Amino acid sequence: MGEGGNVSTAFARVMSYSAKKLLSTPASSCTLTPTLLTDAGSDDQDFGMSPGVHVSDFISNTGVHVVSIATNFNGLTNLVRAGTDSTYYLDEGLRLWGTSSVGSATPGMDMNYNHNFEPGPSCAVNCGGGSGNINERMVFTASPDTSIRVFDTFFFNQQKKIAIRDPIIGPLRVALDASTGQQYLFGITTRGLVVVSLPTITNTNPQAPSRR
């Protein structure tokens, strides 16, 4: 994460974040029963946030407008949707590994509910501590051509195109019905809320090979 735009000083700050670090809630001497919360709420200490690093280059590069971001549950895959036409794939250190072209004006995107992979480093079968099921290595992105495009988050290529009546112009979220295992996609169109029962999508790519 970084400061951008018209920075008045010679330097801007850049910070990184890791979801794997400790989130600590210090003990308090003043609590409310039965919830054990203080009047002012909890004072959490998040060790995932790095200190600010001052940089002097690229702070005025505002040519790409970010319209949405997505992070999987283990924090190893981070996606950034640009306002122009692409989705950017970054690892937990925010290193860019690839892009997918998907169109503009439809910013919504979300990953498979069980996504537990990483986009770049050497990746074993249970990449990122996940199940190893590459059919879960997917991101769903709204497209202006009234469809939802599905991409592999390691090879960055399109795996499926799901047609819908209206383009999703607002947020897009994937949810899981725990009782059946069925995943549903929720999106906002000009006509209101659309709900898509996601089909089983077979990933045509192999398990991720070792990076050289």
Protein backbone atom coordinates (compact mmCIF):
# COMPACT_ATOMS: atom_id res chain seq x y z
CA MET A 1 0.00 0.00 0.00
CA GLY A 2 1.27 3.46 -0.73
CA GLU A 3 0.44 7.13 -0.85
CA GLY A 4 -0.15 8.60 -4.26
CA GLY A 5 -1.53 11.63 -6.01
CA ASN A 6 -0.23 15.10 -5.24
CA VAL A 7 2.16 14.36 -2.38
CA SER A 8 3.38 17.68 -0.98
CA THR A 9 6.60 16.32 0.55
CA ALA A 10 9.70 14.94 -1.17
CA PHE A 11 8.86 11.42 0.00
CA ALA A 12 5.77 9.26 0.32
CA ARG A 13 5.19 6.25 2.54
CA VAL A 14 4.78 2.63 1.43
CA MET A 15 3.57 -0.11 3.78
CA SER A 16 3.08 -3.85 3.39
CA TYR A 17 0.66 -6.18 5.18
CA SER A 18 0.70 -9.92 5.96
CA ALA A 19 -2.47 -11.68 7.09
CA LYS A 20 -0.37 -14.48 8.64
CA LYS A 21 1.03 -12.30 11.43
CA LEU A 22 -0.37 -12.12 14.97
CA LEU A 23 -3.46 -10.06 15.83
CA SER A 24 -3.19 -9.43 19.57
CA THR A 25 -5.88 -8.07 21.91
CA PRO A 26 -4.20 -6.83 25.12
CA ALA A 27 -5.91 -7.47 28.45
CA SER A 28 -7.96 -4.61 29.90
CA SER A 29 -8.69 -3.73 33.53
CA CYS A 30 -12.05 -2.19 32.67
CA THR A 31 -14.49 -4.59 31.00
CA LEU A 32 -18.22 -4.88 30.59
CA THR A 33 -19.91 -8.19 31.34
CA PRO A 34 -20.90 -10.47 29.76
CA THR A 35 -19.10 -9.48 26.55
CA LEU A 36 -15.84 -8.48 28.26
CA LEU A 37 -15.51 -5.43 25.99
CA THR A 38 -14.27 -2.10 27.25
CA ASP A 39 -16.29 1.10 26.96
CA ALA A 40 -13.93 2.25 24.23
CA GLY A 41 -13.90 -1.13 22.47
CA SER A 42 -10.91 -3.43 22.06
CA ASP A 43 -7.42 -2.07 21.43
CA ASP A 44 -6.04 -4.64 19.00
CA GLN A 45 -2.41 -4.74 17.97
CA ASP A 46 -1.91 -6.00 14.42
CA PHE A 47 1.61 -7.27 13.80
CA GLY A 48 0.89 -7.76 10.10
CA MET A 49 1.38 -4.10 9.24
CA SER A 50 4.93 -3.08 8.45
CA PRO A 51 6.46 0.29 9.33
CA GLY A 52 6.21 3.00 6.69
CA VAL A 53 9.07 3.13 4.20
CA HIS A 54 9.79 6.46 2.52
CA VAL A 55 10.18 6.39 -1.25
CA SER A 56 10.81 9.15 -3.75
CA ASP A 57 9.96 7.50 -7.08
CA PHE A 58 6.61 6.45 -8.56
CA ILE A 59 4.66 8.48 -6.00
CA SER A 60 3.06 10.57 -8.74
CA ASN A 61 2.23 7.64 -11.02
CA THR A 62 -1.54 7.87 -10.95
CA GLY A 63 -2.15 6.64 -14.48
CA VAL A 64 -3.84 3.46 -13.24
CA HIS A 65 -6.90 3.94 -11.07
CA VAL A 66 -7.62 1.06 -8.66
CA VAL A 67 -11.32 0.18 -8.49
CA SER A 68 -11.33 -3.00 -6.37
CA ILE A 69 -9.08 -5.40 -4.47
CA ALA A 70 -9.44 -9.00 -3.29
CA THR A 71 -7.44 -11.15 -0.87
CA ASN A 72 -7.84 -14.85 -0.19
CA PHE A 73 -8.11 -16.27 3.33
CA ASN A 74 -4.41 -17.07 3.77
CA GLY A 75 -3.26 -13.70 2.45
CA LEU A 76 -0.98 -15.27 -0.18
CA THR A 77 -2.94 -14.12 -3.24
CA ASN A 78 -3.85 -10.45 -3.62
CA LEU A 79 -5.70 -9.10 -6.64
CA VAL A 80 -5.99 -5.50 -7.80
CA ARG A 81 -8.53 -4.48 -10.44
CA ALA A 82 -7.45 -1.47 -12.48
CA GLY A 83 -9.95 1.01 -13.83
CA THR A 84 -8.56 0.53 -17.33
CA ASP A 85 -8.83 -3.13 -18.34
CA SER A 86 -6.75 -5.53 -16.25
CA THR A 87 -6.56 -7.57 -13.06
CA TYR A 88 -3.14 -7.65 -11.38
CA TYR A 89 -1.99 -10.71 -9.39
CA LEU A 90 0.34 -10.10 -6.43
CA ASP A 91 1.79 -12.33 -3.71
CA GLU A 92 1.91 -11.53 0.02
CA GLY A 93 4.99 -9.36 -0.56
CA LEU A 94 3.06 -7.43 -3.23
CA ARG A 95 5.28 -8.74 -6.02
CA LEU A 96 3.48 -8.71 -9.36
CA TRP A 97 3.25 -12.14 -11.05
CA GLY A 98 0.81 -11.59 -13.89
CA THR A 99 -2.22 -9.80 -15.32
CA SER A 100 -5.51 -10.73 -16.99
CA SER A 101 -7.38 -8.49 -19.42
CA VAL A 102 -11.08 -8.28 -18.58
CA GLY A 103 -12.44 -4.86 -19.60
CA SER A 104 -13.39 -1.68 -17.75
CA ALA A 105 -16.46 -0.12 -16.07
CA THR A 106 -17.26 -3.37 -14.20
CA PRO A 107 -15.00 -3.41 -11.13
CA GLY A 108 -16.39 -6.40 -9.24
CA MET A 109 -14.29 -9.51 -8.57
CA ASP A 110 -13.93 -12.24 -5.95
CA MET A 111 -12.10 -15.55 -5.63
CA ASN A 112 -13.45 -19.06 -5.18
CA TYR A 113 -14.65 -19.36 -1.58
CA ASN A 114 -12.12 -22.14 -0.88
CA HIS A 115 -9.20 -20.42 -2.64
CA ASN A 116 -6.04 -21.18 -0.64
CA PHE A 117 -3.24 -20.74 -3.16
CA GLU A 118 -0.43 -18.32 -3.99
CA PRO A 119 0.21 -16.78 -7.42
CA GLY A 120 3.93 -16.98 -7.84
CA PRO A 121 6.51 -18.92 -5.83
CA SER A 122 7.33 -22.59 -6.16
CA CYS A 123 4.04 -24.29 -5.47
CA ALA A 124 3.49 -27.86 -4.26
CA VAL A 125 0.24 -29.79 -4.65
CA ASN A 126 -1.20 -28.23 -1.50
CA CYS A 127 0.02 -24.81 -2.60
CA GLY A 128 -0.43 -22.26 0.16
CA GLY A 129 -1.61 -24.95 2.58
CA GLY A 130 -4.76 -25.54 0.57
CA SER A 131 -6.52 -28.69 -0.58
CA GLY A 132 -4.56 -28.96 -3.82
CA ASN A 133 -7.83 -28.86 -5.80
CA ILE A 134 -6.89 -26.65 -8.74
CA ASN A 135 -10.58 -26.17 -9.59
CA GLU A 136 -10.60 -23.83 -6.58
CA ARG A 137 -7.69 -21.77 -7.96
CA MET A 138 -10.11 -19.34 -9.64
CA VAL A 139 -11.16 -15.71 -9.58
CA PHE A 140 -14.53 -14.45 -10.86
CA THR A 141 -14.42 -11.05 -12.56
CA ALA A 142 -17.28 -8.96 -13.89
CA SER A 143 -17.00 -8.13 -17.58
CA PRO A 144 -18.73 -5.30 -19.50
CA ASP A 145 -19.96 -7.79 -22.13
CA THR A 146 -22.67 -9.07 -19.70
CA SER A 147 -20.62 -12.01 -18.51
CA ILE A 148 -18.53 -13.24 -15.61
CA ARG A 149 -15.05 -14.29 -16.68
CA VAL A 150 -13.25 -16.93 -14.65
CA PHE A 151 -9.43 -16.92 -14.52
CA ASP A 152 -6.79 -19.22 -13.03
CA THR A 153 -4.88 -17.19 -10.42
CA PHE A 154 -1.56 -18.93 -11.17
CA PHE A 155 -1.50 -19.11 -14.98
CA PHE A 156 -3.75 -16.01 -15.36
CA ASN A 157 -5.66 -17.44 -18.34
CA GLN A 158 -9.43 -17.61 -18.80
CA GLN A 159 -11.10 -20.87 -17.82
CA LYS A 160 -14.77 -20.09 -18.37
CA LYS A 161 -17.20 -17.37 -19.38
CA ILE A 162 -20.56 -17.32 -17.57
CA ALA A 163 -23.24 -15.35 -19.43
CA ILE A 164 -25.72 -13.19 -17.51
CA ARG A 165 -28.45 -10.77 -18.64
CA ASP A 166 -26.95 -7.49 -17.42
CA PRO A 167 -23.38 -6.43 -16.65
CA ILE A 168 -22.41 -6.35 -12.98
CA ILE A 169 -21.54 -2.71 -12.36
CA GLY A 170 -21.17 -2.85 -8.58
CA PRO A 171 -19.68 -5.19 -5.97
CA LEU A 172 -19.33 -8.90 -6.64
CA ARG A 173 -19.09 -11.51 -3.87
CA VAL A 174 -18.84 -15.30 -3.70
CA ALA A 175 -20.51 -17.11 -0.79
CA LEU A 176 -20.71 -20.76 0.28
CA ASP A 177 -23.78 -22.69 1.39
CA ALA A 178 -22.13 -24.81 4.09
CA SER A 179 -24.99 -27.31 4.15
CA THR A 180 -24.66 -28.25 0.47
CA GLY A 181 -21.20 -27.05 -0.55
CA GLN A 182 -22.75 -24.98 -3.35
CA GLN A 183 -21.13 -21.62 -4.07
CA TYR A 184 -23.17 -18.60 -5.12
CA LEU A 185 -22.11 -15.35 -6.74
CA PHE A 186 -23.88 -12.12 -5.79
CA GLY A 187 -23.57 -8.99 -7.91
CA ILE A 188 -25.20 -5.60 -8.39
CA THR A 189 -26.53 -4.66 -11.84
CA THR A 190 -28.59 -1.71 -13.07
CA ARG A 191 -31.70 -3.84 -12.45
CA GLY A 192 -30.72 -4.79 -8.90
CA LEU A 193 -29.21 -7.85 -7.25
CA VAL A 194 -28.31 -10.90 -9.34
CA VAL A 195 -27.56 -14.31 -7.81
CA VAL A 196 -25.69 -16.93 -9.83
CA SER A 197 -25.41 -20.56 -8.76
CA LEU A 198 -21.82 -21.27 -9.76
CA PRO A 199 -21.30 -24.42 -11.82
CA THR A 200 -18.44 -26.85 -11.35
CA ILE A 201 -15.53 -25.44 -13.35
CA THR A 202 -12.73 -27.75 -14.44
CA ASN A 203 -9.34 -26.05 -14.50
CA THR A 204 -7.58 -27.00 -17.73
CA ASN A 205 -4.18 -26.04 -16.34
CA PRO A 206 -1.88 -28.43 -14.43
CA GLN A 207 -0.67 -28.13 -10.88
CA ALA A 208 1.64 -25.15 -10.57
CA PRO A 209 5.20 -25.98 -11.66
CA SER A 210 8.31 -24.77 -9.88
CA ARG A 211 9.36 -21.27 -10.83
CA ARG A 212 12.83 -20.97 -12.35
